[in-house]
Amino acid sequence: MKEHKIILTGPMGAGKTTAIRAVSEVEPIMTDVANNDRSVNKELTTVGFDYGLLTLDNGDRVRLFGTPGQERFRFVWNVLAKGALGLVILSDNTREDPLADLKVYLKGFEAELDALPCVVGVGRTEEAQAPDLQAYADVLESMGHVFPVVPVDVREADDVVLLIDVLLSQLEADL
């Protein structure tokens, strides 16, 4: 049995906590507090990290860590990324500029992305069809990256597991 550490990151409201809650087989650990950022219609926000655990069919265990979404907690991102096997960047397609959001996380994890596989999960595409997945891929390419971009509903365990599978497949391909 192997243990993997995977980081879920993205802007506030993108669904990191929800994704971890959807797949964790233990009660997730969360560091949520009352949200005082009224630009986002959300009661609580993560200020430390979220944690959940998932056992894969082959017995491997995936420890999921969700970062805080606000840039002011950026220092936590890099601390959490130490020892990580991969990174999932979640995006909310209904936000004002989700492609600019993506760039924030690509820059925030710039050093880690030189060595870690990554997958971008785009949520709420049924509510906002633009930008499309190709636009995300174009941003990635413009910043020197080629990562899978996958539509996701973070409330659905199967969608979250697909993101993890895509990430782990990249690792296997690199071996």
Protein backbone atom coordinates (compact mmCIF):
# COMPACT_ATOMS: atom_id res chain seq x y z
CA MET A 1 0.00 0.00 0.00
CA LYS A 2 1.27 3.43 -0.98
CA GLU A 3 0.35 6.77 0.55
CA HIS A 4 -0.08 9.82 -1.64
CA LYS A 5 -0.45 13.47 -0.69
CA ILE A 6 -2.47 15.54 -3.13
CA ILE A 7 -3.17 19.26 -2.85
CA LEU A 8 -6.46 20.82 -3.97
CA THR A 9 -6.23 24.54 -4.58
CA GLY A 10 -8.14 27.30 -6.29
CA PRO A 11 -10.07 30.47 -5.49
CA MET A 12 -12.48 30.82 -2.63
CA GLY A 13 -15.73 29.12 -3.56
CA ALA A 14 -14.24 26.85 -6.24
CA GLY A 15 -15.19 23.75 -4.24
CA LYS A 16 -12.08 22.48 -2.49
CA THR A 17 -13.87 21.75 0.79
CA THR A 18 -16.86 20.29 -1.05
CA ALA A 19 -14.62 18.02 -3.16
CA ILE A 20 -12.83 16.68 -0.10
CA ARG A 21 -16.13 16.16 1.70
CA ALA A 22 -17.49 14.28 -1.35
CA VAL A 23 -14.79 11.59 -1.30
CA SER A 24 -13.31 11.45 2.19
CA GLU A 25 -13.94 8.21 4.05
CA VAL A 26 -13.16 9.91 7.35
CA GLU A 27 -14.87 12.98 8.73
CA PRO A 28 -12.95 15.78 7.00
CA ILE A 29 -10.90 18.14 9.11
CA MET A 30 -11.70 21.73 8.24
CA THR A 31 -10.44 25.09 9.41
CA ASP A 32 -13.39 27.17 8.30
CA VAL A 33 -14.28 30.53 9.83
CA ALA A 34 -16.93 33.11 9.09
CA ASN A 35 -16.29 34.74 5.72
CA ASN A 36 -15.80 38.49 5.92
CA ASP A 37 -15.13 38.88 2.17
CA ARG A 38 -18.52 40.03 0.93
CA SER A 39 -17.41 39.85 -2.71
CA VAL A 40 -18.07 36.10 -2.44
CA ASN A 41 -21.50 34.88 -1.38
CA LYS A 42 -20.26 32.27 1.05
CA GLU A 43 -20.88 31.89 4.77
CA LEU A 44 -17.61 30.13 5.70
CA THR A 45 -14.09 30.11 4.27
CA THR A 46 -10.98 28.00 4.87
CA VAL A 47 -8.10 29.76 6.62
CA GLY A 48 -5.74 26.86 7.33
CA PHE A 49 -6.44 23.74 5.34
CA ASP A 50 -8.97 21.00 4.80
CA TYR A 51 -8.03 17.34 5.11
CA GLY A 52 -9.63 14.13 3.95
CA LEU A 53 -8.62 10.56 3.23
CA LEU A 54 -9.52 8.30 0.32
CA THR A 55 -8.54 4.66 -0.19
CA LEU A 56 -8.26 3.65 -3.84
CA ASP A 57 -9.37 0.29 -5.24
CA ASN A 58 -5.76 -0.95 -5.23
CA GLY A 59 -5.41 -0.16 -1.51
CA ASP A 60 -3.34 2.99 -1.96
CA ARG A 61 -4.36 5.84 0.33
CA VAL A 62 -4.71 9.41 -0.86
CA ARG A 63 -4.41 12.16 1.70
CA LEU A 64 -6.19 15.22 0.36
CA PHE A 65 -5.25 18.70 1.54
CA GLY A 66 -7.30 21.70 0.50
CA THR A 67 -5.63 25.09 0.59
CA PRO A 68 -7.26 28.32 1.60
CA GLY A 69 -8.43 30.12 -1.52
CA GLN A 70 -7.60 33.67 -0.59
CA GLU A 71 -4.24 34.98 -1.78
CA ARG A 72 -3.53 36.48 1.63
CA PHE A 73 -3.04 32.89 2.85
CA ARG A 74 -0.61 32.12 0.05
CA PHE A 75 2.14 31.26 2.53
CA VAL A 76 0.05 28.21 3.52
CA TRP A 77 -0.04 26.97 -0.09
CA ASN A 78 3.68 26.31 -0.28
CA VAL A 79 3.83 24.79 3.20
CA LEU A 80 1.08 22.33 2.28
CA ALA A 81 2.74 21.53 -1.05
CA LYS A 82 5.86 20.12 0.62
CA GLY A 83 5.94 16.39 0.01
CA ALA A 84 2.91 16.47 -2.29
CA LEU A 85 2.63 14.04 -5.16
CA GLY A 86 0.43 16.26 -7.27
CA LEU A 87 -1.78 19.30 -7.50
CA VAL A 88 -5.43 19.77 -8.46
CA ILE A 89 -6.39 23.33 -9.36
CA LEU A 90 -10.13 23.87 -9.13
CA SER A 91 -11.79 26.68 -11.02
CA ASP A 92 -15.31 28.10 -10.81
CA ASN A 93 -16.43 29.05 -14.31
CA THR A 94 -19.05 31.47 -12.94
CA ARG A 95 -16.45 33.75 -11.33
CA GLU A 96 -15.77 37.11 -12.93
CA ASP A 97 -12.45 36.06 -14.53
CA PRO A 98 -11.71 32.36 -13.99
CA LEU A 99 -8.72 32.44 -16.35
CA ALA A 100 -7.09 35.17 -14.24
CA ASP A 101 -7.83 32.98 -11.19
CA LEU A 102 -6.01 30.10 -12.88
CA LYS A 103 -2.96 32.29 -13.45
CA VAL A 104 -2.85 33.19 -9.74
CA TYR A 105 -2.51 29.52 -8.79
CA LEU A 106 -0.08 28.71 -11.58
CA LYS A 107 2.14 31.53 -10.32
CA GLY A 108 1.56 30.64 -6.67
CA PHE A 109 2.71 27.06 -7.26
CA GLU A 110 5.27 27.92 -9.94
CA ALA A 111 8.20 26.18 -8.24
CA GLU A 112 6.17 23.07 -7.40
CA LEU A 113 4.73 22.76 -10.91
CA ASP A 114 8.21 22.25 -12.31
CA ALA A 115 8.22 18.86 -10.57
CA LEU A 116 4.58 17.97 -9.82
CA PRO A 117 1.86 16.71 -12.12
CA CYS A 118 -1.27 18.82 -12.16
CA VAL A 119 -4.86 18.64 -13.37
CA VAL A 120 -7.28 21.54 -13.71
CA GLY A 121 -10.89 20.85 -12.73
CA VAL A 122 -13.39 23.35 -14.10
CA GLY A 123 -16.65 23.56 -12.20
CA ARG A 124 -20.02 25.12 -12.94
CA THR A 125 -19.59 24.81 -16.69
CA GLU A 126 -23.32 24.13 -17.02
CA GLU A 127 -24.02 27.58 -15.57
CA ALA A 128 -21.34 29.40 -17.56
CA GLN A 129 -20.11 27.87 -20.80
CA ALA A 130 -17.42 30.52 -21.30
CA PRO A 131 -14.56 30.31 -21.03
CA ASP A 132 -14.44 26.86 -22.57
CA LEU A 133 -11.93 24.16 -21.67
CA GLN A 134 -9.71 25.12 -24.62
CA ALA A 135 -9.33 28.62 -23.18
CA TYR A 136 -7.99 27.05 -19.97
CA ALA A 137 -5.58 24.91 -22.00
CA ASP A 138 -4.43 28.03 -23.87
CA VAL A 139 -3.65 29.82 -20.59
CA LEU A 140 -1.71 26.79 -19.38
CA GLU A 141 0.28 26.67 -22.61
CA SER A 142 0.99 30.42 -22.50
CA MET A 143 2.54 29.85 -19.07
CA GLY A 144 4.60 26.87 -20.21
CA HIS A 145 2.37 24.04 -18.97
CA VAL A 146 0.44 21.21 -20.54
CA PHE A 147 -1.98 19.73 -18.01
CA PRO A 148 -5.30 17.96 -18.42
CA VAL A 149 -8.35 20.21 -18.10
CA VAL A 150 -11.46 18.35 -16.95
CA PRO A 151 -15.03 19.54 -16.31
CA VAL A 152 -16.05 18.62 -12.77
CA ASP A 153 -18.94 18.78 -10.36
CA VAL A 154 -17.15 18.78 -7.00
CA ARG A 155 -20.33 17.59 -5.26
CA GLU A 156 -20.08 14.28 -7.17
CA ALA A 157 -17.63 11.76 -5.71
CA ASP A 158 -17.10 10.13 -9.12
CA ASP A 159 -16.01 13.46 -10.64
CA VAL A 160 -13.54 14.11 -7.81
CA VAL A 161 -12.15 10.58 -8.06
CA LEU A 162 -11.72 11.14 -11.82
CA LEU A 163 -9.53 14.18 -11.10
CA ILE A 164 -7.41 12.09 -8.74
CA ASP A 165 -7.19 9.25 -11.27
CA VAL A 166 -6.08 11.65 -14.01
CA LEU A 167 -3.41 13.03 -11.69
CA LEU A 168 -2.16 9.58 -10.70
CA SER A 169 -2.15 8.49 -14.36
CA GLN A 170 0.28 11.30 -15.11
CA LEU A 171 2.57 9.99 -12.40
CA GLU A 172 2.43 6.48 -13.82
CA ALA A 173 3.16 7.82 -17.31
CA ASP A 174 6.24 9.65 -15.99
CA LEU A 175 7.58 6.46 -14.43
